[in-house]
Amino acid sequence: METEKVTVRLPVHLVHAIDTFINMGEFASRSEAIRRALNKFVKELMQDFQEKTEMWMKLQELQAFTEEIEKLRKK
């Protein structure tokens, strides 16, 4: 996996929390912890986006169906 160095400023309390998890053996480094958090965040965003897209498509289908019903009612 190709990587790129990115500098990020975090609140001190988050850095302390990450360091605590490192000391507990959950992560080998701050980089690993941040990578895992960002991966989870991006997956959740993608899932939310997919759900919103599906809802939008269903809404469009419902609107089209409603328009067809209105046309039939007017006849």
N, C-alpha and C. Protein backbone atom coordinates (compact mmCIF):
# COMPACT_ATOMS: atom_id res chain seq x y z
N MET A 1 0.84 -1.18 0.00
CA MET A 1 0.00 0.00 0.00
C MET A 1 0.89 1.24 0.00
N GLU A 2 0.63 2.09 -0.97
CA GLU A 2 1.39 3.34 -1.04
C GLU A 2 0.81 4.31 -0.02
N THR A 3 1.70 5.05 0.65
CA THR A 3 1.25 6.02 1.64
C THR A 3 1.82 7.39 1.34
N GLU A 4 1.21 8.38 1.96
CA GLU A 4 1.68 9.75 1.83
C GLU A 4 1.64 10.38 3.22
N LYS A 5 2.67 11.11 3.55
CA LYS A 5 2.75 11.75 4.85
C LYS A 5 1.82 12.97 4.87
N VAL A 6 1.00 13.06 5.92
CA VAL A 6 0.07 14.16 6.09
C VAL A 6 0.23 14.68 7.52
N THR A 7 0.37 15.97 7.65
CA THR A 7 0.49 16.56 8.98
C THR A 7 -0.89 17.00 9.44
N VAL A 8 -1.25 16.58 10.64
CA VAL A 8 -2.57 16.90 11.19
C VAL A 8 -2.40 17.41 12.61
N ARG A 9 -3.15 18.45 12.94
CA ARG A 9 -3.16 18.94 14.32
C ARG A 9 -4.41 18.41 14.99
N LEU A 10 -4.22 17.83 16.18
CA LEU A 10 -5.33 17.26 16.94
C LEU A 10 -5.39 17.89 18.32
N PRO A 11 -6.58 17.95 18.89
CA PRO A 11 -6.67 18.40 20.28
C PRO A 11 -5.86 17.48 21.20
N VAL A 12 -5.29 18.06 22.22
CA VAL A 12 -4.42 17.31 23.13
C VAL A 12 -5.14 16.10 23.72
N HIS A 13 -6.41 16.27 24.07
CA HIS A 13 -7.13 15.15 24.70
C HIS A 13 -7.25 13.95 23.76
N LEU A 14 -7.34 14.19 22.44
CA LEU A 14 -7.39 13.07 21.50
C LEU A 14 -6.04 12.37 21.40
N VAL A 15 -4.97 13.16 21.39
CA VAL A 15 -3.62 12.58 21.34
C VAL A 15 -3.39 11.73 22.60
N HIS A 16 -3.81 12.23 23.75
CA HIS A 16 -3.66 11.46 24.99
C HIS A 16 -4.46 10.16 24.93
N ALA A 17 -5.67 10.24 24.37
CA ALA A 17 -6.50 9.03 24.24
C ALA A 17 -5.82 8.02 23.33
N ILE A 18 -5.30 8.49 22.20
CA ILE A 18 -4.60 7.59 21.27
C ILE A 18 -3.39 6.96 21.96
N ASP A 19 -2.62 7.78 22.67
CA ASP A 19 -1.45 7.27 23.38
C ASP A 19 -1.84 6.23 24.43
N THR A 20 -2.97 6.43 25.08
CA THR A 20 -3.45 5.46 26.06
C THR A 20 -3.72 4.12 25.39
N PHE A 21 -4.38 4.16 24.23
CA PHE A 21 -4.65 2.92 23.50
C PHE A 21 -3.36 2.26 23.03
N ILE A 22 -2.38 3.05 22.66
CA ILE A 22 -1.08 2.49 22.27
C ILE A 22 -0.45 1.79 23.46
N ASN A 23 -0.47 2.44 24.62
CA ASN A 23 0.10 1.84 25.84
C ASN A 23 -0.63 0.57 26.25
N MET A 24 -1.92 0.48 25.92
CA MET A 24 -2.70 -0.72 26.23
C MET A 24 -2.47 -1.82 25.21
N GLY A 25 -1.73 -1.51 24.13
CA GLY A 25 -1.42 -2.52 23.12
C GLY A 25 -2.44 -2.61 21.99
N GLU A 26 -3.39 -1.69 21.96
CA GLU A 26 -4.41 -1.72 20.91
C GLU A 26 -3.83 -1.30 19.55
N PHE A 27 -2.89 -0.38 19.56
CA PHE A 27 -2.24 0.11 18.34
C PHE A 27 -0.74 0.11 18.53
N ALA A 28 -0.01 -0.02 17.42
CA ALA A 28 1.44 0.01 17.49
C ALA A 28 1.96 1.45 17.44
N SER A 29 1.15 2.36 16.86
CA SER A 29 1.61 3.73 16.70
C SER A 29 0.41 4.67 16.56
N ARG A 30 0.69 5.96 16.66
CA ARG A 30 -0.35 6.96 16.42
C ARG A 30 -0.85 6.85 14.98
N SER A 31 0.07 6.64 14.06
CA SER A 31 -0.32 6.51 12.66
C SER A 31 -1.32 5.38 12.45
N GLU A 32 -1.06 4.24 13.07
CA GLU A 32 -1.97 3.10 12.94
C GLU A 32 -3.34 3.44 13.50
N ALA A 33 -3.37 4.09 14.64
CA ALA A 33 -4.64 4.45 15.27
C ALA A 33 -5.43 5.41 14.38
N ILE A 34 -4.76 6.41 13.86
CA ILE A 34 -5.43 7.40 13.02
C ILE A 34 -5.89 6.78 11.70
N ARG A 35 -5.06 5.91 11.12
CA ARG A 35 -5.46 5.21 9.89
C ARG A 35 -6.73 4.40 10.12
N ARG A 36 -6.76 3.65 11.23
CA ARG A 36 -7.93 2.82 11.50
C ARG A 36 -9.18 3.69 11.70
N ALA A 37 -9.02 4.78 12.44
CA ALA A 37 -10.16 5.68 12.67
C ALA A 37 -10.66 6.28 11.35
N LEU A 38 -9.74 6.72 10.51
CA LEU A 38 -10.14 7.31 9.23
C LEU A 38 -10.78 6.29 8.30
N ASN A 39 -10.25 5.07 8.29
CA ASN A 39 -10.86 4.02 7.48
C ASN A 39 -12.30 3.77 7.90
N LYS A 40 -12.52 3.69 9.21
CA LYS A 40 -13.88 3.47 9.72
C LYS A 40 -14.78 4.66 9.36
N PHE A 41 -14.27 5.86 9.51
CA PHE A 41 -15.03 7.07 9.21
C PHE A 41 -15.42 7.11 7.73
N VAL A 42 -14.48 6.83 6.86
CA VAL A 42 -14.76 6.85 5.41
C VAL A 42 -15.78 5.78 5.04
N LYS A 43 -15.66 4.58 5.61
CA LYS A 43 -16.63 3.52 5.34
C LYS A 43 -18.03 3.93 5.77
N GLU A 44 -18.13 4.56 6.95
CA GLU A 44 -19.43 5.02 7.44
C GLU A 44 -20.01 6.10 6.54
N LEU A 45 -19.17 7.03 6.09
CA LEU A 45 -19.63 8.07 5.17
C LEU A 45 -20.13 7.47 3.87
N MET A 46 -19.39 6.50 3.34
CA MET A 46 -19.79 5.85 2.09
C MET A 46 -21.12 5.12 2.27
N GLN A 47 -21.29 4.46 3.41
CA GLN A 47 -22.54 3.76 3.68
C GLN A 47 -23.69 4.76 3.78
N ASP A 48 -23.48 5.86 4.48
CA ASP A 48 -24.51 6.91 4.59
C ASP A 48 -24.85 7.45 3.21
N PHE A 49 -23.84 7.69 2.39
CA PHE A 49 -24.05 8.20 1.05
C PHE A 49 -24.86 7.21 0.22
N GLN A 50 -24.53 5.94 0.33
CA GLN A 50 -25.24 4.91 -0.42
C GLN A 50 -26.70 4.85 0.03
N GLU A 51 -26.94 4.92 1.34
CA GLU A 51 -28.31 4.89 1.85
C GLU A 51 -29.11 6.10 1.37
N LYS A 52 -28.49 7.27 1.37
CA LYS A 52 -29.17 8.48 0.90
C LYS A 52 -29.47 8.38 -0.60
N THR A 53 -28.54 7.82 -1.35
CA THR A 53 -28.74 7.65 -2.78
C THR A 53 -29.92 6.71 -3.04
N GLU A 54 -29.97 5.60 -2.29
CA GLU A 54 -31.07 4.65 -2.44
C GLU A 54 -32.40 5.30 -2.08
N MET A 55 -32.43 6.09 -1.01
CA MET A 55 -33.66 6.78 -0.62
C MET A 55 -34.09 7.78 -1.69
N TRP A 56 -33.13 8.50 -2.26
CA TRP A 56 -33.42 9.46 -3.30
C TRP A 56 -34.02 8.75 -4.53
N MET A 57 -33.47 7.62 -4.88
CA MET A 57 -33.99 6.87 -6.02
C MET A 57 -35.41 6.39 -5.74
N LYS A 58 -35.66 5.90 -4.53
CA LYS A 58 -37.01 5.46 -4.17
C LYS A 58 -37.99 6.62 -4.19
N LEU A 59 -37.55 7.78 -3.73
CA LEU A 59 -38.39 8.98 -3.75
C LEU A 59 -38.74 9.36 -5.18
N GLN A 60 -37.76 9.30 -6.07
CA GLN A 60 -38.01 9.62 -7.48
C GLN A 60 -39.01 8.63 -8.09
N GLU A 61 -38.87 7.35 -7.74
CA GLU A 61 -39.80 6.34 -8.23
C GLU A 61 -41.21 6.62 -7.71
N LEU A 62 -41.30 6.98 -6.45
CA LEU A 62 -42.59 7.28 -5.85
C LEU A 62 -43.23 8.51 -6.50
N GLN A 63 -42.43 9.51 -6.79
CA GLN A 63 -42.95 10.70 -7.45
C GLN A 63 -43.46 10.37 -8.86
N ALA A 64 -42.71 9.56 -9.56
CA ALA A 64 -43.13 9.16 -10.91
C ALA A 64 -44.43 8.35 -10.83
N PHE A 65 -44.53 7.47 -9.88
CA PHE A 65 -45.74 6.66 -9.69
C PHE A 65 -46.93 7.55 -9.36
N THR A 66 -46.70 8.54 -8.48
CA THR A 66 -47.75 9.48 -8.09
C THR A 66 -48.22 10.27 -9.31
N GLU A 67 -47.31 10.69 -10.15
CA GLU A 67 -47.67 11.43 -11.36
C GLU A 67 -48.51 10.56 -12.29
N GLU A 68 -48.16 9.29 -12.40
CA GLU A 68 -48.93 8.37 -13.25
C GLU A 68 -50.34 8.20 -12.69
N ILE A 69 -50.47 8.08 -11.40
CA ILE A 69 -51.79 7.93 -10.77
C ILE A 69 -52.62 9.18 -11.02
N GLU A 70 -52.01 10.34 -10.91
CA GLU A 70 -52.72 11.60 -11.16
C GLU A 70 -53.21 11.66 -12.60
N LYS A 71 -52.40 11.22 -13.54
CA LYS A 71 -52.81 11.20 -14.94
C LYS A 71 -54.02 10.30 -15.15
N LEU A 72 -53.98 9.13 -14.51
CA LEU A 72 -55.09 8.18 -14.63
C LEU A 72 -56.36 8.72 -13.98
N ARG A 73 -56.22 9.42 -12.89
CA ARG A 73 -57.38 9.98 -12.19
C ARG A 73 -58.06 11.06 -13.02
N LYS A 74 -57.29 11.79 -13.77
CA LYS A 74 -57.83 12.88 -14.58
C LYS A 74 -58.60 12.37 -15.80
N LYS A 75 -58.38 11.14 -16.19
CA LYS A 75 -59.04 10.58 -17.37
C LYS A 75 -60.47 10.26 -17.10
